[in-house]
Amino acid sequence: MEKSKELSDHPKSCMNKALDDELVFVLLARDPFTPSVIMEWVKQSYSTQPMEKLIDAISMAKDMSVQLNDEGFRMRVKLSKKIKAS
């Protein structure tokens, strides 16, 4: 889910589902390992999670892979790192 939706009142937001004191871990599309981490979660969760959630995770892994391979996205990531470093 896009950051803006995740931080909103979107009904599928993991942040909204998390308890106030619950630890969370964020995977970003810019990390080349993210799609494989998601797919490993799908494999490990196949018998315990609803099919809709598994399908959403597979779709997200694919979308993140596409985004990471987009030149425009990679340029925005590099630019944001330079801005934060200065």
C-alpha atoms as a PDB file:
ATOM      1  CA  MET A   1       0.000   0.000   0.000  1.00  0.00           C
ATOM      2  CA  GLU A   2       1.262   3.493  -0.739  1.00  0.00           C
ATOM      3  CA  LYS A   3       2.564   5.455   2.259  1.00  0.00           C
ATOM      4  CA  SER A   4      -0.210   8.050   2.055  1.00  0.00           C
ATOM      5  CA  LYS A   5      -2.914   5.353   2.183  1.00  0.00           C
ATOM      6  CA  GLU A   6      -1.132   3.404   4.922  1.00  0.00           C
ATOM      7  CA  LEU A   7      -1.077   6.484   7.140  1.00  0.00           C
ATOM      8  CA  SER A   8      -4.732   7.344   6.412  1.00  0.00           C
ATOM      9  CA  ASP A   9      -7.934   5.740   7.659  1.00  0.00           C
ATOM     10  CA  HIS A  10      -7.848   3.233   4.781  1.00  0.00           C
ATOM     11  CA  PRO A  11      -9.628   0.028   5.926  1.00  0.00           C
ATOM     12  CA  LYS A  12      -6.759  -2.242   4.814  1.00  0.00           C
ATOM     13  CA  SER A  13      -4.046  -0.155   6.509  1.00  0.00           C
ATOM     14  CA  CYS A  14      -1.756  -2.349   8.591  1.00  0.00           C
ATOM     15  CA  MET A  15      -0.983   0.647  10.777  1.00  0.00           C
ATOM     16  CA  ASN A  16      -4.659   1.007  11.631  1.00  0.00           C
ATOM     17  CA  LYS A  17      -4.881  -2.700  12.458  1.00  0.00           C
ATOM     18  CA  ALA A  18      -1.789  -2.648  14.703  1.00  0.00           C
ATOM     19  CA  LEU A  19      -2.208  -2.163  18.425  1.00  0.00           C
ATOM     20  CA  ASP A  20      -0.898   1.161  19.711  1.00  0.00           C
ATOM     21  CA  ASP A  21       2.037  -0.552  21.452  1.00  0.00           C
ATOM     22  CA  GLU A  22       2.592  -3.260  18.810  1.00  0.00           C
ATOM     23  CA  LEU A  23       5.960  -3.414  17.066  1.00  0.00           C
ATOM     24  CA  VAL A  24       5.849  -3.113  13.272  1.00  0.00           C
ATOM     25  CA  PHE A  25       8.433  -3.615  10.531  1.00  0.00           C
ATOM     26  CA  VAL A  26       8.278  -1.762   7.219  1.00  0.00           C
ATOM     27  CA  LEU A  27       9.509  -3.109   3.883  1.00  0.00           C
ATOM     28  CA  LEU A  28      10.197  -0.528   1.189  1.00  0.00           C
ATOM     29  CA  ALA A  29      10.015  -1.097  -2.565  1.00  0.00           C
ATOM     30  CA  ARG A  30      13.521   0.359  -2.922  1.00  0.00           C
ATOM     31  CA  ASP A  31      14.982  -2.666  -1.103  1.00  0.00           C
ATOM     32  CA  PRO A  32      15.747  -5.302  -3.745  1.00  0.00           C
ATOM     33  CA  PHE A  33      15.068  -8.105  -1.225  1.00  0.00           C
ATOM     34  CA  THR A  34      11.524  -6.972  -0.419  1.00  0.00           C
ATOM     35  CA  PRO A  35       9.662  -8.990  -3.098  1.00  0.00           C
ATOM     36  CA  SER A  36      11.428 -12.224  -2.104  1.00  0.00           C
ATOM     37  CA  VAL A  37      10.779 -11.555   1.599  1.00  0.00           C
ATOM     38  CA  ILE A  38       7.077 -11.077   0.853  1.00  0.00           C
ATOM     39  CA  MET A  39       6.960 -14.256  -1.236  1.00  0.00           C
ATOM     40  CA  GLU A  40       8.639 -16.203   1.572  1.00  0.00           C
ATOM     41  CA  TRP A  41       5.985 -14.874   3.954  1.00  0.00           C
ATOM     42  CA  VAL A  42       3.318 -16.094   1.497  1.00  0.00           C
ATOM     43  CA  LYS A  43       4.881 -19.575   1.405  1.00  0.00           C
ATOM     44  CA  GLN A  44       5.130 -19.751   5.197  1.00  0.00           C
ATOM     45  CA  SER A  45       1.601 -18.374   5.689  1.00  0.00           C
ATOM     46  CA  TYR A  46      -0.211 -20.396   3.037  1.00  0.00           C
ATOM     47  CA  SER A  47      -2.078 -22.593   5.515  1.00  0.00           C
ATOM     48  CA  THR A  48      -2.816 -19.897   8.104  1.00  0.00           C
ATOM     49  CA  GLN A  49      -3.848 -16.767   6.181  1.00  0.00           C
ATOM     50  CA  PRO A  50      -6.963 -16.029   4.105  1.00  0.00           C
ATOM     51  CA  MET A  51      -6.477 -16.493   0.367  1.00  0.00           C
ATOM     52  CA  GLU A  52      -7.372 -12.823  -0.274  1.00  0.00           C
ATOM     53  CA  LYS A  53      -4.502 -11.689   1.972  1.00  0.00           C
ATOM     54  CA  LEU A  54      -2.069 -14.034   0.226  1.00  0.00           C
ATOM     55  CA  ILE A  55      -3.157 -12.798  -3.199  1.00  0.00           C
ATOM     56  CA  ASP A  56      -2.766  -9.179  -2.040  1.00  0.00           C
ATOM     57  CA  ALA A  57       0.753  -9.963  -0.823  1.00  0.00           C
ATOM     58  CA  ILE A  58       1.732 -11.595  -4.134  1.00  0.00           C
ATOM     59  CA  SER A  59       0.354  -8.614  -6.023  1.00  0.00           C
ATOM     60  CA  MET A  60       2.285  -6.226  -3.774  1.00  0.00           C
ATOM     61  CA  ALA A  61       5.526  -8.166  -4.316  1.00  0.00           C
ATOM     62  CA  LYS A  62       5.026  -7.915  -8.079  1.00  0.00           C
ATOM     63  CA  ASP A  63       4.176  -4.201  -7.941  1.00  0.00           C
ATOM     64  CA  MET A  64       7.192  -3.461  -5.731  1.00  0.00           C
ATOM     65  CA  SER A  65       9.463  -5.315  -8.139  1.00  0.00           C
ATOM     66  CA  VAL A  66       8.093  -3.291 -11.052  1.00  0.00           C
ATOM     67  CA  GLN A  67       8.519  -0.044  -9.122  1.00  0.00           C
ATOM     68  CA  LEU A  68      12.110  -0.866  -8.149  1.00  0.00           C
ATOM     69  CA  ASN A  69      12.939  -1.494 -11.800  1.00  0.00           C
ATOM     70  CA  ASP A  70      11.428   1.831 -12.895  1.00  0.00           C
ATOM     71  CA  GLU A  71      14.212   4.305 -13.744  1.00  0.00           C
ATOM     72  CA  GLY A  72      12.145   7.311 -12.685  1.00  0.00           C
ATOM     73  CA  PHE A  73      11.500   5.762  -9.270  1.00  0.00           C
ATOM     74  CA  ARG A  74      15.181   4.946  -8.777  1.00  0.00           C
ATOM     75  CA  MET A  75      16.113   8.526  -9.658  1.00  0.00           C
ATOM     76  CA  ARG A  76      13.599   9.874  -7.086  1.00  0.00           C
ATOM     77  CA  VAL A  77      15.101   7.570  -4.425  1.00  0.00           C
ATOM     78  CA  LYS A  78      18.624   8.820  -5.216  1.00  0.00           C
ATOM     79  CA  LEU A  79      17.455  12.445  -5.137  1.00  0.00           C
ATOM     80  CA  SER A  80      15.678  11.996  -1.803  1.00  0.00           C
ATOM     81  CA  LYS A  81      18.836  10.493  -0.281  1.00  0.00           C
ATOM     82  CA  LYS A  82      20.918  13.467  -1.486  1.00  0.00           C
ATOM     83  CA  ILE A  83      18.403  15.960  -0.089  1.00  0.00           C
ATOM     84  CA  LYS A  84      18.331  14.220   3.315  1.00  0.00           C
ATOM     85  CA  ALA A  85      22.139  14.039   3.418  1.00  0.00           C
ATOM     86  CA  SER A  86      22.533  17.787   2.928  1.00  0.00           C
END
